[in-house]
Amino acid sequence: TIRDTNKKAQSEKLNTTLNDVNTKRTATLLTNISRLSEILTKVSSRAAAAKAAGKDTSKVDAAIAKAQTDIATAKTAILAQAGKQYTATITSENSLKSDMGKTMSQLQADLKAVRDLVIAAQKSVSEAVKALASALGESLTTKPATASGVRK
């Protein structure tokens, strides 16, 4: 129980802010995973066309399978994270700051763990793209960025 009304209002506001941050970050991560899934779908269809043309796509198929697993793992973690609610357990008015800090640190750690899974999925999709390019005999060259930072 917090007697100071200002502290009570600020702690409630911080709890709301933490949950808003969780919602926004998980929505962004879910968008990224959806984009990776779309890319992987395109890679799969190109690999199927290459296989029909008689190319060896065994490495591509393995990379696609790994990427699909990583995407599924990341998506499950994101959905679990999105369902979490962050409310500080306040033991006393004197420990309010440390209790709120622990809750904030927990949110940061949870989001970092989920983000790491998304990064792993991104690397897996990248490896699938590289394997496809190798199977097709294409080179992966990136176009240089322009002065505005946008590639042509």
Protein backbone atom coordinates (compact mmCIF):
# COMPACT_ATOMS: atom_id res chain seq x y z
CA THR A 1 0.00 0.00 0.00
CA ILE A 2 1.39 3.34 -1.06
CA ARG A 3 0.24 6.29 1.01
CA ASP A 4 1.72 9.04 -1.15
CA THR A 5 -0.81 9.65 -3.93
CA ASN A 6 1.85 11.03 -6.30
CA LYS A 7 3.99 7.91 -5.94
CA LYS A 8 0.94 5.71 -6.37
CA ALA A 9 -0.09 7.50 -9.56
CA GLN A 10 3.43 7.32 -10.98
CA SER A 11 3.76 3.61 -10.21
CA GLU A 12 0.42 2.91 -11.93
CA LYS A 13 1.52 5.00 -14.91
CA LEU A 14 4.81 3.09 -15.10
CA ASN A 15 2.98 -0.27 -15.01
CA THR A 16 0.80 0.92 -17.91
CA THR A 17 3.85 2.16 -19.81
CA LEU A 18 5.66 -1.16 -19.37
CA ASN A 19 2.69 -3.05 -20.78
CA ASP A 20 2.42 -0.59 -23.68
CA VAL A 21 6.11 -1.07 -24.49
CA ASN A 22 5.64 -4.84 -24.42
CA THR A 23 2.67 -4.59 -26.78
CA LYS A 24 4.45 -2.33 -29.27
CA ARG A 25 7.69 -4.31 -29.30
CA THR A 26 5.97 -7.66 -29.74
CA ALA A 27 3.86 -6.22 -32.57
CA THR A 28 7.03 -5.05 -34.31
CA LEU A 29 8.70 -8.42 -33.84
CA LEU A 30 5.62 -10.19 -35.18
CA THR A 31 5.71 -7.98 -38.27
CA ASN A 32 9.36 -8.89 -38.79
CA ILE A 33 8.60 -12.60 -38.48
CA SER A 34 5.78 -12.27 -40.99
CA ARG A 35 8.15 -10.59 -43.44
CA LEU A 36 10.69 -13.37 -42.95
CA SER A 37 7.97 -15.96 -43.59
CA GLU A 38 7.08 -14.25 -46.86
CA ILE A 39 10.71 -14.25 -47.95
CA LEU A 40 11.05 -17.92 -47.06
CA THR A 41 7.92 -18.74 -49.07
CA LYS A 42 9.49 -17.09 -52.11
CA VAL A 43 12.73 -19.00 -51.54
CA SER A 44 10.77 -22.25 -51.28
CA SER A 45 8.94 -21.65 -54.54
CA ARG A 46 12.17 -20.78 -56.35
CA ALA A 47 13.82 -23.88 -54.89
CA ALA A 48 10.94 -26.03 -56.10
CA ALA A 49 11.30 -24.55 -59.59
CA ALA A 50 15.04 -25.19 -59.50
CA LYS A 51 14.46 -28.78 -58.39
CA ALA A 52 12.02 -29.28 -61.25
CA ALA A 53 14.70 -27.94 -63.59
CA GLY A 54 17.06 -30.66 -62.37
CA LYS A 55 19.24 -28.63 -59.98
CA ASP A 56 20.53 -30.08 -56.72
CA THR A 57 18.57 -28.33 -53.97
CA SER A 58 19.39 -30.56 -51.01
CA LYS A 59 21.30 -27.80 -49.18
CA VAL A 60 18.52 -25.35 -49.91
CA ASP A 61 15.88 -27.75 -48.59
CA ALA A 62 17.86 -28.23 -45.37
CA ALA A 63 18.31 -24.47 -44.94
CA ILE A 64 14.60 -23.90 -45.57
CA ALA A 65 13.65 -26.53 -42.98
CA LYS A 66 15.94 -24.91 -40.39
CA ALA A 67 14.56 -21.47 -41.18
CA GLN A 68 10.97 -22.71 -40.85
CA THR A 69 11.79 -24.20 -37.45
CA ASP A 70 13.49 -20.99 -36.29
CA ILE A 71 10.57 -18.87 -37.51
CA ALA A 72 8.06 -21.11 -35.72
CA THR A 73 10.10 -20.97 -32.51
CA ALA A 74 10.38 -17.19 -32.67
CA LYS A 75 6.68 -16.74 -33.45
CA THR A 76 5.70 -18.93 -30.49
CA ALA A 77 7.97 -16.92 -28.20
CA ILE A 78 6.59 -13.61 -29.50
CA LEU A 79 3.00 -14.70 -28.92
CA ALA A 80 3.87 -15.89 -25.41
CA GLN A 81 5.63 -12.59 -24.71
CA ALA A 82 2.67 -10.61 -26.02
CA GLY A 83 0.44 -12.33 -23.49
CA LYS A 84 2.56 -11.32 -20.51
CA GLN A 85 1.51 -8.50 -18.22
CA TYR A 86 4.05 -6.51 -16.24
CA THR A 87 2.91 -5.24 -12.88
CA ALA A 88 5.41 -4.46 -10.17
CA THR A 89 5.03 -6.33 -6.90
CA ILE A 90 5.59 -3.62 -4.36
CA THR A 91 6.73 -4.84 -0.96
CA SER A 92 6.86 -1.45 0.76
CA GLU A 93 6.82 2.23 -0.04
CA ASN A 94 10.54 2.44 0.73
CA SER A 95 11.41 -0.24 -1.83
CA LEU A 96 9.16 1.19 -4.53
CA LYS A 97 12.02 2.28 -6.77
CA SER A 98 13.86 -1.05 -6.63
CA ASP A 99 10.65 -3.04 -7.14
CA MET A 100 9.75 -1.00 -10.22
CA GLY A 101 13.33 -1.36 -11.46
CA LYS A 102 13.17 -5.15 -11.14
CA THR A 103 9.97 -5.24 -13.18
CA MET A 104 11.48 -3.01 -15.85
CA SER A 105 14.62 -5.16 -15.98
CA GLN A 106 12.50 -8.28 -16.34
CA LEU A 107 10.65 -6.75 -19.30
CA GLN A 108 13.94 -5.79 -20.95
CA ALA A 109 15.39 -9.27 -20.45
CA ASP A 110 12.27 -10.97 -21.79
CA LEU A 111 12.17 -8.74 -24.88
CA LYS A 112 15.87 -9.30 -25.51
CA ALA A 113 15.42 -13.07 -25.39
CA VAL A 114 12.57 -12.91 -27.91
CA ARG A 115 14.50 -10.49 -30.12
CA ASP A 116 17.46 -12.88 -30.14
CA LEU A 117 15.16 -15.62 -31.46
CA VAL A 118 13.97 -13.30 -34.24
CA ILE A 119 17.57 -12.50 -35.14
CA ALA A 120 18.35 -16.24 -35.28
CA ALA A 121 15.37 -16.73 -37.62
CA GLN A 122 16.60 -13.87 -39.77
CA LYS A 123 20.04 -15.47 -40.05
CA SER A 124 18.45 -18.80 -40.97
CA VAL A 125 16.41 -17.17 -43.74
CA SER A 126 19.55 -15.44 -44.96
CA GLU A 127 21.35 -18.78 -45.10
CA ALA A 128 18.46 -20.24 -47.10
CA VAL A 129 18.71 -17.36 -49.58
CA LYS A 130 22.46 -17.90 -49.88
CA ALA A 131 21.98 -21.64 -50.39
CA LEU A 132 19.40 -20.98 -53.10
CA ALA A 133 21.69 -18.54 -54.86
CA SER A 134 24.50 -21.09 -54.71
CA ALA A 135 22.26 -23.83 -56.10
CA LEU A 136 21.15 -21.60 -58.95
CA GLY A 137 24.69 -20.47 -59.66
CA GLU A 138 23.86 -16.85 -58.95
CA SER A 139 25.97 -14.45 -56.96
CA LEU A 140 24.59 -12.37 -54.15
CA THR A 141 25.79 -8.88 -54.79
CA THR A 142 24.32 -5.89 -53.08
CA LYS A 143 23.81 -2.66 -54.86
CA PRO A 144 25.70 0.24 -53.30
CA ALA A 145 23.69 2.65 -51.24
CA THR A 146 23.08 6.09 -52.61
CA ALA A 147 23.74 9.31 -50.73
CA SER A 148 20.27 9.18 -49.22
CA GLY A 149 20.88 5.64 -47.96
CA VAL A 150 18.27 4.12 -50.26
CA ARG A 151 19.30 1.39 -52.65
CA LYS A 152 18.24 1.67 -56.24
